[in-house]
N, C-alpha and C. Protein backbone atom coordinates (compact mmCIF):
# COMPACT_ATOMS: atom_id res chain seq x y z
N UNK A 1 153.35 84.84 119.71
CA UNK A 1 152.17 85.61 119.85
C UNK A 1 150.97 84.57 120.39
N UNK A 2 150.16 84.73 121.64
CA UNK A 2 149.40 83.78 122.00
C UNK A 2 147.96 84.04 121.30
N UNK A 3 146.98 83.18 121.73
CA UNK A 3 145.89 83.29 120.93
C UNK A 3 144.95 84.51 121.21
N UNK A 4 144.93 85.11 122.49
CA UNK A 4 144.40 86.26 122.96
C UNK A 4 144.97 87.55 122.23
N UNK A 5 146.11 87.55 122.16
CA UNK A 5 146.87 88.69 121.10
C UNK A 5 146.35 88.62 119.78
N UNK A 6 146.50 87.26 119.38
CA UNK A 6 145.84 87.32 117.92
C UNK A 6 144.52 87.42 117.58
N UNK A 7 143.68 87.13 118.58
CA UNK A 7 142.04 87.80 118.58
C UNK A 7 142.06 89.17 118.63
N UNK A 8 142.80 89.56 119.59
CA UNK A 8 142.61 91.00 119.81
C UNK A 8 143.18 92.00 118.46
N UNK A 9 144.02 91.51 117.75
CA UNK A 9 144.70 91.81 116.55
C UNK A 9 143.83 91.77 115.68
N UNK A 10 143.16 90.88 115.47
CA UNK A 10 142.17 90.38 114.39
C UNK A 10 141.00 91.30 114.68
N UNK A 11 140.37 91.29 115.65
CA UNK A 11 139.33 92.06 115.98
C UNK A 11 139.32 93.68 115.82
N UNK A 12 140.83 94.17 116.03
CA UNK A 12 140.79 95.67 115.72
C UNK A 12 141.09 95.66 114.20
N UNK A 13 141.58 94.82 113.63
CA UNK A 13 141.75 95.08 112.01
C UNK A 13 140.44 94.93 111.19
N UNK A 14 139.58 93.92 111.87
CA UNK A 14 138.47 94.08 111.08
C UNK A 14 137.32 95.04 111.01
N UNK A 15 136.60 95.31 110.02
CA UNK A 15 135.82 96.39 109.90
C UNK A 15 134.47 96.22 110.61
N UNK A 16 133.86 97.22 111.41
CA UNK A 16 132.91 97.49 112.09
C UNK A 16 131.67 97.22 111.29
N UNK A 17 130.71 96.25 111.94
CA UNK A 17 129.50 96.00 110.91
C UNK A 17 128.28 96.57 111.82
N UNK A 18 127.47 97.35 110.86
CA UNK A 18 126.41 98.04 111.43
C UNK A 18 125.44 96.99 111.79
N UNK A 19 125.16 97.30 113.12
CA UNK A 19 123.96 96.39 113.75
C UNK A 19 122.63 96.95 113.51
N UNK A 20 121.67 95.97 113.61
CA UNK A 20 120.38 96.21 113.28
C UNK A 20 119.87 96.57 111.99
N UNK A 21 120.81 96.68 111.07
CA UNK A 21 120.71 96.80 109.43
C UNK A 21 120.02 95.59 108.87
N UNK A 22 119.17 95.45 108.13
CA UNK A 22 118.59 94.39 107.54
C UNK A 22 118.75 94.28 106.08
N UNK A 23 119.51 93.50 105.39
CA UNK A 23 119.75 93.88 104.07
C UNK A 23 118.65 92.95 103.25
N UNK A 24 117.76 92.43 103.87
CA UNK A 24 116.51 91.93 103.12
C UNK A 24 115.53 92.13 103.60
N UNK A 25 114.66 93.15 102.48
CA UNK A 25 113.45 93.72 102.93
C UNK A 25 112.38 93.32 101.86
N UNK A 26 111.22 93.01 102.21
CA UNK A 26 110.13 92.69 101.44
C UNK A 26 109.51 93.86 100.91
N UNK A 27 109.38 94.72 99.68
CA UNK A 27 108.49 95.76 99.41
C UNK A 27 107.01 95.35 99.86
N UNK A 28 106.49 96.31 100.69
CA UNK A 28 104.99 96.43 101.25
C UNK A 28 104.20 96.37 100.01
N UNK A 29 103.25 95.55 100.13
CA UNK A 29 102.34 95.60 98.79
C UNK A 29 101.63 96.85 98.68
N UNK A 30 101.48 97.20 97.32
CA UNK A 30 100.43 98.33 97.07
C UNK A 30 99.43 97.82 96.12
N UNK A 31 98.33 98.13 96.78
CA UNK A 31 96.80 97.39 96.55
C UNK A 31 95.88 98.46 96.34
N UNK A 32 95.02 98.05 95.32
CA UNK A 32 93.90 98.88 94.95
C UNK A 32 92.75 98.20 94.44
N UNK A 33 91.54 98.70 94.60
CA UNK A 33 90.37 98.04 94.23
C UNK A 33 90.02 98.54 92.78
N UNK A 34 89.58 97.69 92.10
CA UNK A 34 88.99 98.08 90.53
C UNK A 34 87.79 97.43 90.37
N UNK A 35 86.68 97.82 90.89
CA UNK A 35 85.32 97.25 90.96
C UNK A 35 85.47 96.11 91.84
N UNK A 36 85.13 94.80 91.25
CA UNK A 36 85.14 93.54 92.24
C UNK A 36 86.41 92.80 92.28
N UNK A 37 87.62 93.54 91.89
CA UNK A 37 88.95 92.95 91.37
C UNK A 37 89.78 93.79 92.42
N UNK A 38 90.97 93.08 92.96
CA UNK A 38 91.96 93.87 93.75
C UNK A 38 93.04 93.68 92.93
N UNK A 39 93.86 94.74 92.63
CA UNK A 39 95.10 94.92 91.85
C UNK A 39 96.41 95.09 92.92
N UNK A 40 97.14 93.94 92.49
CA UNK A 40 98.46 94.06 93.36
C UNK A 40 99.47 94.88 92.52
N UNK A 41 99.74 96.00 92.75
CA UNK A 41 100.38 96.99 91.78
C UNK A 41 101.71 96.58 91.59
N UNK A 42 102.55 96.44 92.75
CA UNK A 42 103.98 95.99 92.63
C UNK A 42 104.16 94.49 93.03
N UNK A 43 103.48 93.51 92.17
CA UNK A 43 103.64 92.14 92.13
C UNK A 43 104.81 91.71 91.71
N UNK A 44 105.13 92.59 90.51
CA UNK A 44 106.44 92.03 89.84
C UNK A 44 107.79 92.42 90.31
N UNK A 45 107.71 93.80 91.28
CA UNK A 45 108.97 93.77 92.09
C UNK A 45 108.99 93.02 93.25
N UNK A 46 107.99 92.57 93.84
CA UNK A 46 108.17 91.84 94.80
C UNK A 46 108.60 90.27 94.56
N UNK A 47 107.89 89.75 93.24
CA UNK A 47 108.55 88.55 93.32
C UNK A 47 110.00 88.48 92.80
N UNK A 48 110.37 89.71 92.04
CA UNK A 48 111.59 89.75 91.65
C UNK A 48 112.52 89.87 92.86
N UNK A 49 112.11 90.54 93.94
CA UNK A 49 112.97 90.71 95.24
C UNK A 49 112.96 89.28 96.11
N UNK A 50 112.02 88.75 95.99
CA UNK A 50 112.02 87.32 96.46
C UNK A 50 112.95 86.19 95.69
N UNK A 51 113.10 86.76 94.49
CA UNK A 51 113.81 85.63 93.52
C UNK A 51 113.11 84.62 93.51
N UNK A 52 111.71 84.52 93.01
CA UNK A 52 110.76 83.39 92.99
C UNK A 52 110.10 83.71 91.76
N UNK A 53 109.65 82.43 91.03
CA UNK A 53 108.68 82.65 89.56
C UNK A 53 107.42 83.15 89.93
N UNK A 54 107.06 84.35 89.42
CA UNK A 54 105.78 84.81 89.46
C UNK A 54 104.45 83.93 89.64
N UNK A 55 104.43 82.53 88.65
CA UNK A 55 103.48 81.80 88.96
C UNK A 55 103.56 80.98 90.22
N UNK A 56 104.67 80.76 90.68
CA UNK A 56 104.62 80.22 92.26
C UNK A 56 104.01 81.01 93.17
N UNK A 57 104.53 82.32 92.99
CA UNK A 57 103.79 83.18 94.21
C UNK A 57 102.44 83.59 94.03
N UNK A 58 102.14 83.54 92.76
CA UNK A 58 100.51 83.93 92.29
C UNK A 58 99.64 82.60 92.81
N UNK A 59 100.37 81.48 92.55
CA UNK A 59 99.53 80.08 93.01
C UNK A 59 99.55 80.23 94.55
N UNK A 60 100.38 80.47 95.36
CA UNK A 60 100.23 80.69 96.84
C UNK A 60 99.27 81.92 97.21
N UNK A 61 99.32 82.89 96.79
CA UNK A 61 98.45 83.87 96.61
C UNK A 61 96.71 83.25 96.77
N UNK A 62 96.73 82.51 95.57
CA UNK A 62 95.18 82.21 95.03
C UNK A 62 94.88 81.11 96.19
N UNK A 63 95.84 80.25 96.63
CA UNK A 63 95.15 79.33 97.56
C UNK A 63 95.29 79.93 99.02
N UNK A 64 96.01 80.81 99.44
CA UNK A 64 95.82 81.64 100.63
C UNK A 64 94.68 82.38 100.68
N UNK A 65 94.39 83.19 99.55
CA UNK A 65 93.19 84.13 99.74
C UNK A 65 91.87 83.33 99.24
N UNK A 66 91.88 82.09 98.32
CA UNK A 66 90.97 81.37 98.28
C UNK A 66 90.13 81.98 96.98
N UNK A 67 90.89 82.69 96.12
CA UNK A 67 90.27 83.10 94.92
C UNK A 67 91.11 82.89 93.84
N UNK A 68 90.63 83.36 92.65
CA UNK A 68 91.30 83.02 91.34
C UNK A 68 92.05 84.28 91.08
N UNK A 69 93.21 84.41 90.38
CA UNK A 69 94.07 85.42 90.11
C UNK A 69 94.70 85.26 88.65
N UNK A 70 94.95 86.21 88.19
CA UNK A 70 95.94 86.31 87.00
C UNK A 70 96.81 87.20 86.90
N UNK A 71 98.00 87.46 86.14
CA UNK A 71 99.00 88.47 85.96
C UNK A 71 98.61 89.14 84.56
N UNK A 72 98.43 90.37 84.53
CA UNK A 72 98.25 91.03 83.52
C UNK A 72 99.59 91.47 82.72
N UNK A 73 99.34 92.23 81.64
CA UNK A 73 100.32 92.39 80.85
C UNK A 73 101.21 93.61 81.55
N UNK A 74 101.09 94.03 82.37
CA UNK A 74 101.89 95.23 83.12
C UNK A 74 102.67 94.34 84.39
N UNK A 75 102.57 93.14 84.59
CA UNK A 75 103.04 92.61 85.56
C UNK A 75 102.55 92.56 86.79
N UNK A 76 100.79 93.01 86.98
CA UNK A 76 100.49 93.23 88.12
C UNK A 76 99.66 91.97 88.47
N UNK A 77 99.31 91.59 89.80
CA UNK A 77 98.47 90.59 89.72
C UNK A 77 96.93 91.07 90.15
N UNK A 78 96.23 90.44 89.62
CA UNK A 78 94.67 90.81 89.70
C UNK A 78 93.86 89.48 90.44
N UNK A 79 93.61 89.89 91.52
CA UNK A 79 92.76 88.79 92.34
C UNK A 79 91.13 89.13 92.29
N UNK A 80 90.42 88.33 92.10
CA UNK A 80 88.71 88.68 91.88
C UNK A 80 88.50 88.45 93.48
N UNK A 81 87.64 89.50 93.72
CA UNK A 81 87.12 89.86 95.12
C UNK A 81 87.89 90.96 95.71
N UNK A 82 87.55 91.49 96.70
CA UNK A 82 87.84 92.71 97.57
C UNK A 82 88.97 92.06 98.63
N UNK A 83 90.16 92.44 98.57
CA UNK A 83 90.92 92.18 99.85
C UNK A 83 91.53 93.42 100.24
N UNK A 84 91.69 93.55 101.44
CA UNK A 84 92.49 94.77 101.97
C UNK A 84 94.00 94.62 102.03
N UNK A 85 94.66 95.78 102.12
CA UNK A 85 96.14 95.71 101.85
C UNK A 85 96.80 94.90 103.11
N UNK A 86 96.17 94.99 104.14
CA UNK A 86 96.74 94.08 105.31
C UNK A 86 96.87 92.29 105.10
N UNK A 87 95.55 92.14 104.39
CA UNK A 87 95.43 90.55 104.14
C UNK A 87 96.34 90.11 103.09
N UNK A 88 96.67 91.06 102.05
CA UNK A 88 97.64 90.72 101.16
C UNK A 88 99.05 90.84 101.74
N UNK A 89 99.24 91.69 102.66
CA UNK A 89 100.41 91.85 103.16
C UNK A 89 100.81 90.40 104.14
N UNK A 90 99.78 89.80 104.86
CA UNK A 90 99.81 88.79 105.71
C UNK A 90 100.11 87.63 104.80
N UNK A 91 99.46 87.55 103.85
CA UNK A 91 99.65 86.26 102.91
C UNK A 91 101.10 86.55 102.23
N UNK A 92 101.73 87.50 102.11
CA UNK A 92 103.28 87.76 101.56
C UNK A 92 103.96 87.22 102.66
N UNK A 93 103.67 87.82 103.88
CA UNK A 93 104.66 87.24 105.08
C UNK A 93 104.64 86.06 105.22
N UNK A 94 103.47 85.27 104.94
CA UNK A 94 103.51 83.97 105.27
C UNK A 94 104.53 83.11 104.14
N UNK A 95 104.07 83.69 102.79
CA UNK A 95 105.01 83.22 101.67
C UNK A 95 106.64 83.41 101.99
N UNK A 96 106.84 84.44 102.40
CA UNK A 96 108.29 84.73 102.95
C UNK A 96 108.81 83.74 103.75
N UNK A 97 107.92 83.46 104.93
CA UNK A 97 108.29 82.56 105.93
C UNK A 97 108.40 81.13 105.59
N UNK A 98 107.40 80.79 104.50
CA UNK A 98 107.54 79.38 104.09
C UNK A 98 108.46 78.88 103.00
N UNK A 99 108.95 80.10 102.01
CA UNK A 99 109.39 79.67 100.99
C UNK A 99 110.39 80.46 100.42
N UNK A 100 110.86 81.27 101.27
CA UNK A 100 112.08 82.20 101.11
C UNK A 100 113.16 82.06 102.09
N UNK A 101 112.88 82.31 103.55
CA UNK A 101 113.83 82.26 104.73
C UNK A 101 113.97 81.09 105.02
N UNK A 102 115.45 80.67 105.21
CA UNK A 102 116.18 79.32 105.64
C UNK A 102 115.55 79.02 107.05
N UNK A 103 114.96 77.87 107.14
CA UNK A 103 114.31 77.60 108.57
C UNK A 103 115.61 77.57 109.59
N UNK A 104 116.64 77.33 109.06
CA UNK A 104 117.83 76.93 110.20
C UNK A 104 118.60 78.33 110.52
N UNK A 105 119.06 79.22 109.35
CA UNK A 105 119.78 80.29 109.62
C UNK A 105 119.09 81.21 109.49
N UNK A 106 117.77 81.37 108.82
CA UNK A 106 117.19 82.84 108.63
C UNK A 106 117.48 83.46 107.54
N UNK A 107 118.25 82.85 106.60
CA UNK A 107 118.89 83.77 105.41
C UNK A 107 117.84 83.55 104.26
N UNK A 108 117.70 84.78 103.64
CA UNK A 108 117.03 84.69 102.53
C UNK A 108 117.52 84.35 101.17
N UNK A 109 118.89 83.78 101.37
CA UNK A 109 119.63 83.53 100.24
C UNK A 109 119.48 81.97 99.89
N UNK A 110 118.01 81.64 99.28
CA UNK A 110 117.63 80.30 99.16
C UNK A 110 117.26 80.14 97.75
N UNK A 111 116.76 78.83 97.57
CA UNK A 111 116.23 78.57 96.25
C UNK A 111 115.45 77.29 96.16
N UNK A 112 114.39 77.35 95.50
CA UNK A 112 113.67 76.11 95.62
C UNK A 112 114.20 75.10 94.55
N UNK A 113 114.43 73.86 94.77
CA UNK A 113 115.11 72.90 94.11
C UNK A 113 114.32 71.52 94.25
N UNK A 114 114.48 70.62 93.48
CA UNK A 114 113.82 69.51 93.57
C UNK A 114 115.17 68.51 93.82
N UNK A 115 114.87 67.71 94.93
CA UNK A 115 115.89 66.77 95.55
C UNK A 115 115.20 65.43 95.69
N UNK A 116 115.41 64.47 95.10
CA UNK A 116 114.91 63.00 95.07
C UNK A 116 113.26 63.06 94.95
N UNK A 117 113.26 63.87 94.00
CA UNK A 117 111.76 63.84 93.35
C UNK A 117 110.76 64.98 94.40
N UNK A 118 111.33 65.69 95.36
CA UNK A 118 110.70 66.38 96.21
C UNK A 118 111.11 67.89 96.08
N UNK A 119 109.88 68.97 96.14
CA UNK A 119 110.75 70.16 95.91
C UNK A 119 110.96 70.43 97.36
N UNK A 120 112.08 71.29 97.49
CA UNK A 120 112.87 71.70 98.87
C UNK A 120 113.30 73.13 98.61
N UNK A 121 113.52 73.46 99.69
CA UNK A 121 114.15 75.11 100.05
C UNK A 121 115.86 74.69 100.18
N UNK A 122 116.35 75.00 99.48
CA UNK A 122 117.98 74.94 99.56
C UNK A 122 118.54 76.36 99.95
N UNK A 123 119.21 76.41 101.20
CA UNK A 123 119.87 77.68 101.75
C UNK A 123 121.58 77.83 101.03
N UNK A 124 121.60 78.80 100.24
CA UNK A 124 123.08 79.03 99.84
C UNK A 124 123.97 79.43 100.88
N UNK A 125 123.48 79.94 101.98
CA UNK A 125 124.31 80.30 103.05
C UNK A 125 124.85 79.23 103.96
N UNK A 126 123.83 78.32 104.37
CA UNK A 126 124.25 77.16 105.26
C UNK A 126 124.39 75.93 104.87
N UNK A 127 123.66 75.71 103.60
CA UNK A 127 123.42 74.30 102.74
C UNK A 127 122.39 73.55 103.36
N UNK A 128 121.58 74.10 104.10
CA UNK A 128 120.56 73.37 104.83
C UNK A 128 119.44 73.24 103.66
N UNK A 129 118.74 72.01 103.77
CA UNK A 129 117.66 71.73 103.04
C UNK A 129 116.40 71.61 103.96
N UNK A 130 115.30 72.43 103.38
CA UNK A 130 113.95 72.25 104.26
C UNK A 130 112.71 71.98 103.47
N UNK A 131 112.00 71.20 103.99
CA UNK A 131 110.69 70.85 103.34
C UNK A 131 110.00 72.13 103.28
N UNK A 132 109.32 72.05 102.17
CA UNK A 132 108.30 73.22 101.96
C UNK A 132 106.77 72.71 101.93
N UNK A 133 105.74 73.31 102.36
CA UNK A 133 104.56 72.98 102.28
C UNK A 133 103.86 72.96 100.67
N UNK A 134 103.17 72.18 100.49
CA UNK A 134 102.36 72.05 99.36
C UNK A 134 101.40 73.09 99.20
N UNK A 135 101.33 73.72 97.65
CA UNK A 135 100.54 74.83 97.71
C UNK A 135 99.18 74.08 97.13
């Protein structure tokens, strides 16, 4: 059996992969105003989905939005000031791009690790180490 025959056989026996499906999706932020405070209702679900510490995500949002914030007893993030849903969503997209997705292969299967005294993004899929910006 030559290479082409083996390849045809392997392709015919392998399962079809659905194209266009994205196994990683970030929840759309649910945001509402409470006076001069913006409440990010599904913050806990978001940082759980991203597999990141709540404090790290919150610190990024504070820097990105230029405001103070805290996590309440229900796991919601509370930002001082009025922020539209689109602004929160843009900041979340920036966080995902910088601290979740692998810069080499685009996989979300990453974790933040300390290598030689510096915090880097390590990809579990391809093994790449990527520098991350300071918050």
